[in-house]
C-alpha cells in the first residue's frame, strides 16, 4: 500500500513539474510576442569609475543580457588614482566580458575634469563638451 502511495505522490510531483515548466515557457513566449523581452533592444550603462559596473549594476546588466538587450558601457574615469589606470581599464574590460558586454561596447573617457562637485553640483556643460570628443 505504501508503494502505491509513493508512486502516486511521485506522479503528482512529476506532473506538477512538467506543468510548471510548460507554463513558464508559454509565459516567456507570450512576453516575446508582446515585445516585452528586449530582442534587439540596446541599453547604455553610464558609470563614473571602473568597478561600478560590478559593484552596483551586475544584476541589472545580467538581467538585460538575459532579455537579449545589447548592452554598452560608458565609463567617465580610468580610475587612475594611485596611478593604476591601466590596470583598472583591463579589469573593467574583463568584468564587462564576464557580464556579457563585448569590448567593442565599452568606452572609457579618461575625464580629468570632475562632472560633480560639492559646490556646483552636476555639470551638464562639461558632460556635453566631453561626449562629442569620444
Protein backbone atom coordinates (compact mmCIF):
# COMPACT_ATOMS: atom_id res chain seq x y z
CA UNK A 1 0.00 0.00 0.00
CA UNK A 2 2.89 2.36 0.78
CA UNK A 3 4.40 1.73 -2.66
CA UNK A 4 1.17 2.77 -4.38
CA UNK A 5 1.06 5.96 -2.30
CA UNK A 6 4.66 6.79 -3.13
CA UNK A 7 4.06 6.15 -6.83
CA UNK A 8 1.01 8.43 -6.79
CA UNK A 9 2.99 11.12 -4.99
CA UNK A 10 5.89 10.80 -7.48
CA UNK A 11 3.45 11.01 -10.42
CA UNK A 12 1.83 14.10 -8.93
CA UNK A 13 5.19 15.82 -8.40
CA UNK A 14 6.32 14.98 -11.94
CA UNK A 15 3.05 16.26 -13.41
CA UNK A 16 3.30 19.47 -11.37
CA UNK A 17 6.92 19.99 -12.52
CA UNK A 18 6.00 19.41 -16.15
CA UNK A 19 3.08 21.86 -15.97
CA UNK A 20 5.22 24.47 -14.20
CA UNK A 21 7.96 24.29 -16.86
CA UNK A 22 5.39 24.32 -19.67
CA UNK A 23 3.59 27.32 -18.14
CA UNK A 24 6.90 29.19 -17.75
CA UNK A 25 7.80 28.64 -21.39
CA UNK A 26 4.34 29.75 -22.51
CA UNK A 27 4.62 32.94 -20.44
CA UNK A 28 8.05 33.62 -21.97
CA UNK A 29 6.66 33.13 -25.48
CA UNK A 30 3.77 35.50 -24.84
CA UNK A 31 6.14 38.14 -23.45
CA UNK A 32 8.35 37.81 -26.54
CA UNK A 33 5.32 38.13 -28.80
CA UNK A 34 4.15 41.19 -26.88
CA UNK A 35 7.57 42.77 -27.34
CA UNK A 36 8.30 42.81 -23.62
CA UNK A 37 11.58 41.00 -23.99
CA UNK A 38 14.37 43.01 -25.48
CA UNK A 39 15.32 41.05 -28.56
CA UNK A 40 17.40 43.61 -30.43
CA UNK A 41 16.97 46.38 -27.86
CA UNK A 42 20.00 48.38 -26.82
CA UNK A 43 20.91 49.72 -23.39
CA UNK A 44 23.69 52.08 -22.31
CA UNK A 45 25.11 51.85 -18.81
CA UNK A 46 26.88 55.04 -17.71
CA UNK A 47 29.25 54.72 -14.76
CA UNK A 48 31.71 57.04 -13.05
CA UNK A 49 34.54 54.60 -12.27
CA UNK A 50 35.79 51.16 -13.20
CA UNK A 51 34.26 48.54 -10.88
CA UNK A 52 30.94 50.40 -10.57
CA UNK A 53 29.53 48.03 -13.20
CA UNK A 54 30.18 45.07 -10.92
CA UNK A 55 29.54 46.66 -7.53
CA UNK A 56 26.24 48.33 -8.36
CA UNK A 57 24.86 47.15 -11.69
CA UNK A 58 25.82 43.49 -12.24
CA UNK A 59 22.29 42.12 -11.61
CA UNK A 60 20.81 44.71 -13.95
CA UNK A 61 23.33 44.02 -16.72
CA UNK A 62 22.87 40.26 -16.39
CA UNK A 63 19.08 40.68 -16.47
CA UNK A 64 19.28 42.83 -19.60
CA UNK A 65 21.57 40.28 -21.23
CA UNK A 66 19.11 37.52 -20.33
CA UNK A 67 16.42 39.55 -22.11
CA UNK A 68 18.75 39.78 -25.11
CA UNK A 69 19.47 43.51 -24.86
CA UNK A 70 22.67 44.68 -26.46
CA UNK A 71 24.37 46.42 -23.53
CA UNK A 72 27.08 49.06 -23.95
CA UNK A 73 29.02 50.80 -21.21
CA UNK A 74 30.36 54.33 -20.90
CA UNK A 75 32.83 54.98 -18.07
CA UNK A 76 33.88 58.55 -17.22
CA UNK A 77 37.14 57.68 -15.46
CA UNK A 78 40.06 55.34 -15.96
CA UNK A 79 40.38 55.00 -12.19
CA UNK A 80 43.89 56.41 -12.28
CA UNK A 81 44.05 57.16 -8.58
CA UNK A 82 47.40 55.83 -7.31
CA UNK A 83 48.48 55.54 -10.98
CA UNK A 84 46.53 52.32 -11.51
CA UNK A 85 44.60 53.50 -14.56
CA UNK A 86 45.87 50.87 -16.99
CA UNK A 87 45.21 48.06 -14.51
CA UNK A 88 41.72 49.39 -13.79
CA UNK A 89 40.96 49.63 -17.53
CA UNK A 90 41.94 45.97 -18.03
CA UNK A 91 39.86 44.95 -15.01
CA UNK A 92 36.88 46.87 -16.41
CA UNK A 93 37.15 45.10 -19.77
CA UNK A 94 37.45 41.71 -18.05
CA UNK A 95 34.46 42.44 -15.82
CA UNK A 96 32.39 43.55 -18.82
CA UNK A 97 33.34 40.36 -20.64
CA UNK A 98 32.03 38.30 -17.71
CA UNK A 99 28.83 40.38 -17.69
CA UNK A 100 28.33 39.85 -21.43
CA UNK A 101 29.36 43.32 -22.65
CA UNK A 102 31.77 42.94 -25.59
CA UNK A 103 34.96 45.07 -25.66
CA UNK A 104 33.55 46.93 -28.68
CA UNK A 105 30.68 48.08 -26.45
CA UNK A 106 32.92 49.57 -23.75
CA UNK A 107 34.01 53.21 -23.92
CA UNK A 108 36.31 54.75 -21.29
CA UNK A 109 36.60 58.52 -21.23
CA UNK A 110 39.53 59.46 -19.06
CA UNK A 111 37.98 62.72 -17.99
CA UNK A 112 40.12 64.66 -15.53
CA UNK A 113 37.53 67.40 -15.07
CA UNK A 114 35.04 66.43 -12.34
CA UNK A 115 31.45 66.32 -13.55
CA UNK A 116 30.19 66.55 -9.99
CA UNK A 117 31.48 68.94 -7.38
CA UNK A 118 30.37 69.64 -3.85
CA UNK A 119 29.98 73.35 -4.52
CA UNK A 120 28.42 73.42 -8.01
CA UNK A 121 26.66 70.05 -8.23
CA UNK A 122 26.44 68.21 -11.56
CA UNK A 123 27.89 69.97 -14.61
CA UNK A 124 26.00 69.08 -17.76
CA UNK A 125 28.09 71.67 -19.64
CA UNK A 126 31.25 69.66 -19.00
CA UNK A 127 29.41 66.48 -19.93
CA UNK A 128 28.33 67.91 -23.29
CA UNK A 129 31.87 69.06 -24.07
CA UNK A 130 33.38 65.66 -23.21
CA UNK A 131 30.91 63.40 -25.05
CA UNK A 132 31.40 64.63 -28.64
CA UNK A 133 35.15 64.09 -28.33
CA UNK A 134 34.76 60.41 -27.55
